[in-house]
All heavy atoms as atom14 arrays in JSON, in Angstrom:
{
  "sequence": "IMNRRACLFLAVGTYFGGCLHSLMETALVFRLPFGW",
  "atom14_mask": [
    [1, 1, 1, 1, 1, 1, 1, 1, 0, 0, 0, 0, 0, 0],
    [1, 1, 1, 1, 1, 1, 1, 1, 0, 0, 0, 0, 0, 0],
    [1, 1, 1, 1, 1, 1, 1, 1, 0, 0, 0, 0, 0, 0],
    [1, 1, 1, 1, 1, 1, 1, 1, 1, 1, 1, 0, 0, 0],
    [1, 1, 1, 1, 1, 1, 1, 1, 1, 1, 1, 0, 0, 0],
    [1, 1, 1, 1, 1, 0, 0, 0, 0, 0, 0, 0, 0, 0],
    [1, 1, 1, 1, 1, 1, 0, 0, 0, 0, 0, 0, 0, 0],
    [1, 1, 1, 1, 1, 1, 1, 1, 0, 0, 0, 0, 0, 0],
    [1, 1, 1, 1, 1, 1, 1, 1, 1, 1, 1, 0, 0, 0],
    [1, 1, 1, 1, 1, 1, 1, 1, 0, 0, 0, 0, 0, 0],
    [1, 1, 1, 1, 1, 0, 0, 0, 0, 0, 0, 0, 0, 0],
    [1, 1, 1, 1, 1, 1, 1, 0, 0, 0, 0, 0, 0, 0],
    [1, 1, 1, 1, 0, 0, 0, 0, 0, 0, 0, 0, 0, 0],
    [1, 1, 1, 1, 1, 1, 1, 0, 0, 0, 0, 0, 0, 0],
    [1, 1, 1, 1, 1, 1, 1, 1, 1, 1, 1, 1, 0, 0],
    [1, 1, 1, 1, 1, 1, 1, 1, 1, 1, 1, 0, 0, 0],
    [1, 1, 1, 1, 0, 0, 0, 0, 0, 0, 0, 0, 0, 0],
    [1, 1, 1, 1, 0, 0, 0, 0, 0, 0, 0, 0, 0, 0],
    [1, 1, 1, 1, 1, 1, 0, 0, 0, 0, 0, 0, 0, 0],
    [1, 1, 1, 1, 1, 1, 1, 1, 0, 0, 0, 0, 0, 0],
    [1, 1, 1, 1, 1, 1, 1, 1, 1, 1, 0, 0, 0, 0],
    [1, 1, 1, 1, 1, 1, 0, 0, 0, 0, 0, 0, 0, 0],
    [1, 1, 1, 1, 1, 1, 1, 1, 0, 0, 0, 0, 0, 0],
    [1, 1, 1, 1, 1, 1, 1, 1, 0, 0, 0, 0, 0, 0],
    [1, 1, 1, 1, 1, 1, 1, 1, 1, 0, 0, 0, 0, 0],
    [1, 1, 1, 1, 1, 1, 1, 0, 0, 0, 0, 0, 0, 0],
    [1, 1, 1, 1, 1, 0, 0, 0, 0, 0, 0, 0, 0, 0],
    [1, 1, 1, 1, 1, 1, 1, 1, 0, 0, 0, 0, 0, 0],
    [1, 1, 1, 1, 1, 1, 1, 0, 0, 0, 0, 0, 0, 0],
    [1, 1, 1, 1, 1, 1, 1, 1, 1, 1, 1, 0, 0, 0],
    [1, 1, 1, 1, 1, 1, 1, 1, 1, 1, 1, 0, 0, 0],
    [1, 1, 1, 1, 1, 1, 1, 1, 0, 0, 0, 0, 0, 0],
    [1, 1, 1, 1, 1, 1, 1, 0, 0, 0, 0, 0, 0, 0],
    [1, 1, 1, 1, 1, 1, 1, 1, 1, 1, 1, 0, 0, 0],
    [1, 1, 1, 1, 0, 0, 0, 0, 0, 0, 0, 0, 0, 0],
    [1, 1, 1, 1, 1, 1, 1, 1, 1, 1, 1, 1, 1, 1]
  ],
  "atom14_positions": [
    [[-25.91, 4.92, 1.31], [-24.63, 4.77, 0.6], [-23.5, 4.42, 1.57], [-22.73, 3.48, 1.35], [-24.28, 6.06, -0.18], [-25.34, 6.34, -1.25], [-22.9, 5.94, -0.82], [-25.17, 7.68, -1.94], [0.0, 0.0, 0.0], [0.0, 0.0, 0.0], [0.0, 0.0, 0.0], [0.0, 0.0, 0.0], [0.0, 0.0, 0.0], [0.0, 0.0, 0.0]],
    [[-23.41, 5.19, 2.65], [-22.31, 5.01, 3.6], [-22.73, 4.06, 4.72], [-22.74, 4.39, 5.9], [-21.88, 6.36, 4.16], [-20.48, 6.36, 4.79], [-19.16, 5.89, 3.66], [-18.97, 7.39, 2.71], [0.0, 0.0, 0.0], [0.0, 0.0, 0.0], [0.0, 0.0, 0.0], [0.0, 0.0, 0.0], [0.0, 0.0, 0.0], [0.0, 0.0, 0.0]],
    [[-23.09, 2.83, 4.34], [-23.46, 1.83, 5.33], [-22.22, 1.15, 5.89], [-21.09, 1.49, 5.5], [-24.42, 0.79, 4.71], [-23.87, 0.2, 3.43], [-22.69, -0.15, 3.35], [-24.71, 0.08, 2.41], [0.0, 0.0, 0.0], [0.0, 0.0, 0.0], [0.0, 0.0, 0.0], [0.0, 0.0, 0.0], [0.0, 0.0, 0.0], [0.0, 0.0, 0.0]],
    [[-22.4, 0.2, 6.8], [-21.25, -0.44, 7.45], [-20.35, -1.16, 6.46], [-19.13, -1.12, 6.56], [-21.75, -1.44, 8.5], [-22.32, -0.79, 9.74], [-22.58, -1.79, 10.83], [-23.06, -1.16, 12.05], [-23.27, -1.81, 13.18], [-23.06, -3.13, 13.25], [-23.72, -1.17, 14.24], [0.0, 0.0, 0.0], [0.0, 0.0, 0.0], [0.0, 0.0, 0.0]],
    [[-20.97, -1.82, 5.49], [-20.19, -2.55, 4.49], [-19.34, -1.6, 3.66], [-18.16, -1.88, 3.38], [-21.15, -3.34, 3.59], [-20.44, -4.24, 2.59], [-21.45, -5.05, 1.79], [-20.79, -5.88, 0.8], [-21.43, -6.66, -0.05], [-22.76, -6.74, -0.01], [-20.76, -7.38, -0.92], [0.0, 0.0, 0.0], [0.0, 0.0, 0.0], [0.0, 0.0, 0.0]],
    [[-19.94, -0.47, 3.26], [-19.2, 0.52, 2.47], [-18.05, 1.12, 3.28], [-16.94, 1.3, 2.77], [-20.15, 1.62, 2.01], [0.0, 0.0, 0.0], [0.0, 0.0, 0.0], [0.0, 0.0, 0.0], [0.0, 0.0, 0.0], [0.0, 0.0, 0.0], [0.0, 0.0, 0.0], [0.0, 0.0, 0.0], [0.0, 0.0, 0.0], [0.0, 0.0, 0.0]],
    [[-18.3, 1.41, 4.56], [-17.25, 1.97, 5.43], [-16.09, 1.0, 5.57], [-14.92, 1.39, 5.49], [-17.83, 2.3, 6.8], [-18.93, 3.72, 6.82], [0.0, 0.0, 0.0], [0.0, 0.0, 0.0], [0.0, 0.0, 0.0], [0.0, 0.0, 0.0], [0.0, 0.0, 0.0], [0.0, 0.0, 0.0], [0.0, 0.0, 0.0], [0.0, 0.0, 0.0]],
    [[-16.4, -0.28, 5.77], [-15.37, -1.29, 5.9], [-14.58, -1.44, 4.6], [-13.34, -1.51, 4.61], [-15.99, -2.64, 6.29], [-15.03, -3.82, 6.47], [-14.04, -3.52, 7.61], [-15.8, -5.11, 6.75], [0.0, 0.0, 0.0], [0.0, 0.0, 0.0], [0.0, 0.0, 0.0], [0.0, 0.0, 0.0], [0.0, 0.0, 0.0], [0.0, 0.0, 0.0]],
    [[-15.29, -1.46, 3.48], [-14.65, -1.59, 2.18], [-13.7, -0.42, 1.9], [-12.57, -0.61, 1.44], [-15.72, -1.68, 1.08], [-15.17, -1.72, -0.32], [-14.65, -2.89, -0.85], [-15.15, -0.57, -1.11], [-14.14, -2.93, -2.14], [-14.64, -0.59, -2.39], [-14.13, -1.78, -2.91], [0.0, 0.0, 0.0], [0.0, 0.0, 0.0], [0.0, 0.0, 0.0]],
    [[-14.16, 0.79, 2.19], [-13.34, 1.98, 1.96], [-12.1, 1.99, 2.86], [-11.0, 2.34, 2.42], [-14.17, 3.25, 2.18], [-15.23, 3.54, 1.11], [-16.15, 4.67, 1.58], [-14.58, 3.91, -0.21], [0.0, 0.0, 0.0], [0.0, 0.0, 0.0], [0.0, 0.0, 0.0], [0.0, 0.0, 0.0], [0.0, 0.0, 0.0], [0.0, 0.0, 0.0]],
    [[-12.29, 1.61, 4.12], [-11.15, 1.59, 5.06], [-10.11, 0.56, 4.63], [-8.9, 0.85, 4.59], [-11.65, 1.29, 6.47], [0.0, 0.0, 0.0], [0.0, 0.0, 0.0], [0.0, 0.0, 0.0], [0.0, 0.0, 0.0], [0.0, 0.0, 0.0], [0.0, 0.0, 0.0], [0.0, 0.0, 0.0], [0.0, 0.0, 0.0], [0.0, 0.0, 0.0]],
    [[-10.57, -0.65, 4.3], [-9.65, -1.7, 3.86], [-8.96, -1.29, 2.57], [-7.76, -1.54, 2.38], [-10.4, -3.04, 3.68], [-9.5, -4.08, 3.01], [-10.89, -3.56, 5.03], [0.0, 0.0, 0.0], [0.0, 0.0, 0.0], [0.0, 0.0, 0.0], [0.0, 0.0, 0.0], [0.0, 0.0, 0.0], [0.0, 0.0, 0.0], [0.0, 0.0, 0.0]],
    [[-9.7, -0.63, 1.68], [-9.12, -0.19, 0.41], [-7.98, 0.79, 0.58], [-7.0, 0.74, -0.17], [0.0, 0.0, 0.0], [0.0, 0.0, 0.0], [0.0, 0.0, 0.0], [0.0, 0.0, 0.0], [0.0, 0.0, 0.0], [0.0, 0.0, 0.0], [0.0, 0.0, 0.0], [0.0, 0.0, 0.0], [0.0, 0.0, 0.0], [0.0, 0.0, 0.0]],
    [[-8.07, 1.67, 1.58], [-6.98, 2.62, 1.81], [-5.7, 1.9, 2.22], [-4.61, 2.24, 1.75], [-7.37, 3.65, 2.89], [-7.62, 2.98, 4.13], [-8.59, 4.44, 2.5], [0.0, 0.0, 0.0], [0.0, 0.0, 0.0], [0.0, 0.0, 0.0], [0.0, 0.0, 0.0], [0.0, 0.0, 0.0], [0.0, 0.0, 0.0], [0.0, 0.0, 0.0]],
    [[-5.84, 0.88, 3.1], [-4.66, 0.12, 3.53], [-4.09, -0.72, 2.38], [-2.87, -0.82, 2.23], [-5.03, -0.8, 4.7], [-5.26, -0.07, 6.0], [-6.55, 0.32, 6.38], [-4.21, 0.24, 6.85], [-6.77, 1.0, 7.57], [-4.42, 0.91, 8.05], [-5.71, 1.29, 8.39], [-5.93, 1.97, 9.58], [0.0, 0.0, 0.0], [0.0, 0.0, 0.0]],
    [[-4.96, -1.29, 1.58], [-4.5, -2.11, 0.45], [-3.74, -1.24, -0.56], [-2.67, -1.62, -1.04], [-5.71, -2.78, -0.22], [-5.34, -3.67, -1.38], [-4.71, -4.89, -1.16], [-5.62, -3.28, -2.69], [-4.37, -5.71, -2.22], [-5.27, -4.09, -3.76], [-4.64, -5.31, -3.52], [0.0, 0.0, 0.0], [0.0, 0.0, 0.0], [0.0, 0.0, 0.0]],
    [[-4.3, -0.07, -0.87], [-3.62, 0.83, -1.8], [-2.28, 1.31, -1.26], [-1.29, 1.38, -2.0], [0.0, 0.0, 0.0], [0.0, 0.0, 0.0], [0.0, 0.0, 0.0], [0.0, 0.0, 0.0], [0.0, 0.0, 0.0], [0.0, 0.0, 0.0], [0.0, 0.0, 0.0], [0.0, 0.0, 0.0], [0.0, 0.0, 0.0], [0.0, 0.0, 0.0]],
    [[-2.23, 1.65, 0.02], [-0.98, 2.09, 0.63], [0.07, 1.0, 0.63], [1.26, 1.26, 0.4], [0.0, 0.0, 0.0], [0.0, 0.0, 0.0], [0.0, 0.0, 0.0], [0.0, 0.0, 0.0], [0.0, 0.0, 0.0], [0.0, 0.0, 0.0], [0.0, 0.0, 0.0], [0.0, 0.0, 0.0], [0.0, 0.0, 0.0], [0.0, 0.0, 0.0]],
    [[-0.36, -0.25, 0.85], [0.57, -1.38, 0.85], [1.18, -1.61, -0.53], [2.39, -1.81, -0.67], [-0.14, -2.63, 1.34], [0.93, -4.06, 1.53], [0.0, 0.0, 0.0], [0.0, 0.0, 0.0], [0.0, 0.0, 0.0], [0.0, 0.0, 0.0], [0.0, 0.0, 0.0], [0.0, 0.0, 0.0], [0.0, 0.0, 0.0], [0.0, 0.0, 0.0]],
    [[0.35, -1.58, -1.56], [0.84, -1.76, -2.94], [1.84, -0.67, -3.31], [2.9, -0.95, -3.9], [-0.33, -1.75, -3.93], [-1.21, -2.99, -4.0], [-2.3, -2.8, -5.05], [-0.38, -4.23, -4.32], [0.0, 0.0, 0.0], [0.0, 0.0, 0.0], [0.0, 0.0, 0.0], [0.0, 0.0, 0.0], [0.0, 0.0, 0.0], [0.0, 0.0, 0.0]],
    [[1.5, 0.56, -2.98], [2.39, 1.69, -3.27], [3.75, 1.5, -2.6], [4.8, 1.64, -3.23], [1.74, 2.99, -2.77], [2.67, 4.13, -2.61], [3.03, 4.97, -3.64], [3.36, 4.58, -1.52], [3.89, 5.88, -3.21], [4.1, 5.67, -1.92], [0.0, 0.0, 0.0], [0.0, 0.0, 0.0], [0.0, 0.0, 0.0], [0.0, 0.0, 0.0]],
    [[3.73, 1.16, -1.32], [4.98, 1.04, -0.57], [5.8, -0.17, -1.01], [7.05, -0.11, -1.05], [4.68, 0.95, 0.93], [5.87, 1.01, 1.67], [0.0, 0.0, 0.0], [0.0, 0.0, 0.0], [0.0, 0.0, 0.0], [0.0, 0.0, 0.0], [0.0, 0.0, 0.0], [0.0, 0.0, 0.0], [0.0, 0.0, 0.0], [0.0, 0.0, 0.0]],
    [[5.15, -1.27, -1.33], [5.88, -2.45, -1.82], [6.68, -2.12, -3.07], [7.85, -2.51, -3.19], [4.89, -3.59, -2.11], [4.49, -4.48, -0.94], [3.4, -5.46, -1.38], [5.69, -5.25, -0.39], [0.0, 0.0, 0.0], [0.0, 0.0, 0.0], [0.0, 0.0, 0.0], [0.0, 0.0, 0.0], [0.0, 0.0, 0.0], [0.0, 0.0, 0.0]],
    [[6.05, -1.41, -3.99], [6.74, -1.04, -5.23], [7.92, -0.12, -4.96], [9.03, -0.35, -5.47], [5.76, -0.36, -6.18], [6.37, 0.01, -7.53], [5.27, 0.98, -8.57], [5.25, 2.53, -7.67], [0.0, 0.0, 0.0], [0.0, 0.0, 0.0], [0.0, 0.0, 0.0], [0.0, 0.0, 0.0], [0.0, 0.0, 0.0], [0.0, 0.0, 0.0]],
    [[7.7, 0.92, -4.15], [8.77, 1.88, -3.87], [9.93, 1.21, -3.13], [11.1, 1.45, -3.45], [8.21, 3.04, -3.03], [7.22, 3.92, -3.76], [7.89, 4.84, -4.77], [9.12, 4.78, -4.93], [7.16, 5.61, -5.42], [0.0, 0.0, 0.0], [0.0, 0.0, 0.0], [0.0, 0.0, 0.0], [0.0, 0.0, 0.0], [0.0, 0.0, 0.0]],
    [[9.62, 0.39, -2.14], [10.67, -0.27, -1.35], [11.47, -1.25, -2.2], [12.71, -1.3, -2.12], [10.05, -1.02, -0.15], [9.24, -0.11, 0.6], [11.12, -1.59, 0.76], [0.0, 0.0, 0.0], [0.0, 0.0, 0.0], [0.0, 0.0, 0.0], [0.0, 0.0, 0.0], [0.0, 0.0, 0.0], [0.0, 0.0, 0.0], [0.0, 0.0, 0.0]],
    [[10.78, -2.02, -3.03], [11.46, -3.0, -3.89], [12.38, -2.3, -4.89], [13.5, -2.77, -5.16], [10.44, -3.85, -4.63], [0.0, 0.0, 0.0], [0.0, 0.0, 0.0], [0.0, 0.0, 0.0], [0.0, 0.0, 0.0], [0.0, 0.0, 0.0], [0.0, 0.0, 0.0], [0.0, 0.0, 0.0], [0.0, 0.0, 0.0], [0.0, 0.0, 0.0]],
    [[11.95, -1.16, -5.42], [12.76, -0.42, -6.39], [14.04, 0.11, -5.76], [15.09, 0.17, -6.41], [11.95, 0.73, -6.98], [10.97, 0.39, -8.11], [10.14, 1.6, -8.48], [11.72, -0.13, -9.33], [0.0, 0.0, 0.0], [0.0, 0.0, 0.0], [0.0, 0.0, 0.0], [0.0, 0.0, 0.0], [0.0, 0.0, 0.0], [0.0, 0.0, 0.0]],
    [[13.97, 0.52, -4.49], [15.15, 1.08, -3.81], [16.15, -0.02, -3.46], [17.34, 0.08, -3.79], [14.73, 1.85, -2.54], [15.98, 2.24, -1.73], [13.93, 3.08, -2.91], [0.0, 0.0, 0.0], [0.0, 0.0, 0.0], [0.0, 0.0, 0.0], [0.0, 0.0, 0.0], [0.0, 0.0, 0.0], [0.0, 0.0, 0.0], [0.0, 0.0, 0.0]],
    [[15.68, -1.09, -2.82], [16.61, -2.07, -2.26], [17.0, -3.19, -3.23], [17.69, -4.12, -2.84], [16.04, -2.63, -0.96], [16.06, -1.62, 0.16], [14.91, -0.91, 0.49], [17.23, -1.33, 0.84], [14.92, 0.03, 1.5], [17.25, -0.4, 1.85], [16.1, 0.3, 2.19], [0.0, 0.0, 0.0], [0.0, 0.0, 0.0], [0.0, 0.0, 0.0]],
    [[16.57, -3.08, -4.49], [17.09, -3.99, -5.52], [18.45, -3.5, -6.02], [19.19, -4.24, -6.66], [16.12, -4.05, -6.71], [16.07, -2.76, -7.51], [15.13, -2.78, -8.67], [15.06, -1.48, -9.32], [15.92, -1.05, -10.24], [16.91, -1.84, -10.65], [15.81, 0.16, -10.77], [0.0, 0.0, 0.0], [0.0, 0.0, 0.0], [0.0, 0.0, 0.0]],
    [[18.78, -2.23, -5.7], [20.01, -1.61, -6.18], [21.2, -1.96, -5.27], [21.02, -2.23, -4.08], [19.84, -0.08, -6.23], [18.75, 0.43, -7.19], [18.53, 1.92, -6.98], [19.13, 0.14, -8.63], [0.0, 0.0, 0.0], [0.0, 0.0, 0.0], [0.0, 0.0, 0.0], [0.0, 0.0, 0.0], [0.0, 0.0, 0.0], [0.0, 0.0, 0.0]],
    [[22.42, -1.95, -5.82], [23.61, -2.28, -5.01], [24.07, -1.09, -4.17], [23.91, 0.06, -4.56], [24.66, -2.62, -6.08], [24.26, -1.79, -7.26], [22.76, -1.73, -7.25], [0.0, 0.0, 0.0], [0.0, 0.0, 0.0], [0.0, 0.0, 0.0], [0.0, 0.0, 0.0], [0.0, 0.0, 0.0], [0.0, 0.0, 0.0], [0.0, 0.0, 0.0]],
    [[24.64, -1.39, -3.0], [25.17, -0.37, -2.11], [26.69, -0.52, -2.01], [27.23, -1.62, -2.14], [24.55, -0.48, -0.72], [23.11, -0.07, -0.67], [22.1, -0.99, -0.95], [22.75, 1.23, -0.36], [20.77, -0.63, -0.92], [21.41, 1.61, -0.33], [20.43, 0.68, -0.61], [0.0, 0.0, 0.0], [0.0, 0.0, 0.0], [0.0, 0.0, 0.0]],
    [[27.37, 0.6, -1.77], [28.82, 0.58, -1.58], [29.18, 0.49, -0.11], [28.41, -0.02, 0.71], [0.0, 0.0, 0.0], [0.0, 0.0, 0.0], [0.0, 0.0, 0.0], [0.0, 0.0, 0.0], [0.0, 0.0, 0.0], [0.0, 0.0, 0.0], [0.0, 0.0, 0.0], [0.0, 0.0, 0.0], [0.0, 0.0, 0.0], [0.0, 0.0, 0.0]],
    [[30.34, 1.05, 0.24], [30.8, 0.96, 1.62], [30.19, 2.05, 2.51], [30.18, 1.93, 3.73], [32.32, 1.08, 1.68], [32.85, 2.34, 1.05], [33.21, 2.53, -0.26], [33.07, 3.61, 1.69], [33.62, 3.82, -0.48], [33.55, 4.51, 0.71], [32.9, 4.06, 3.0], [33.86, 5.83, 1.0], [33.2, 5.38, 3.28], [33.68, 6.25, 2.28]]
  ]
}
């Protein structure tokens, strides 16, 4: 089950999921207007 392909897939998946999460959160914050 935990062969090289599975290890690579799981590792890449963690980075992909983290990237999607952060893109959404960052876009939601900096779409808003700032004052002085």
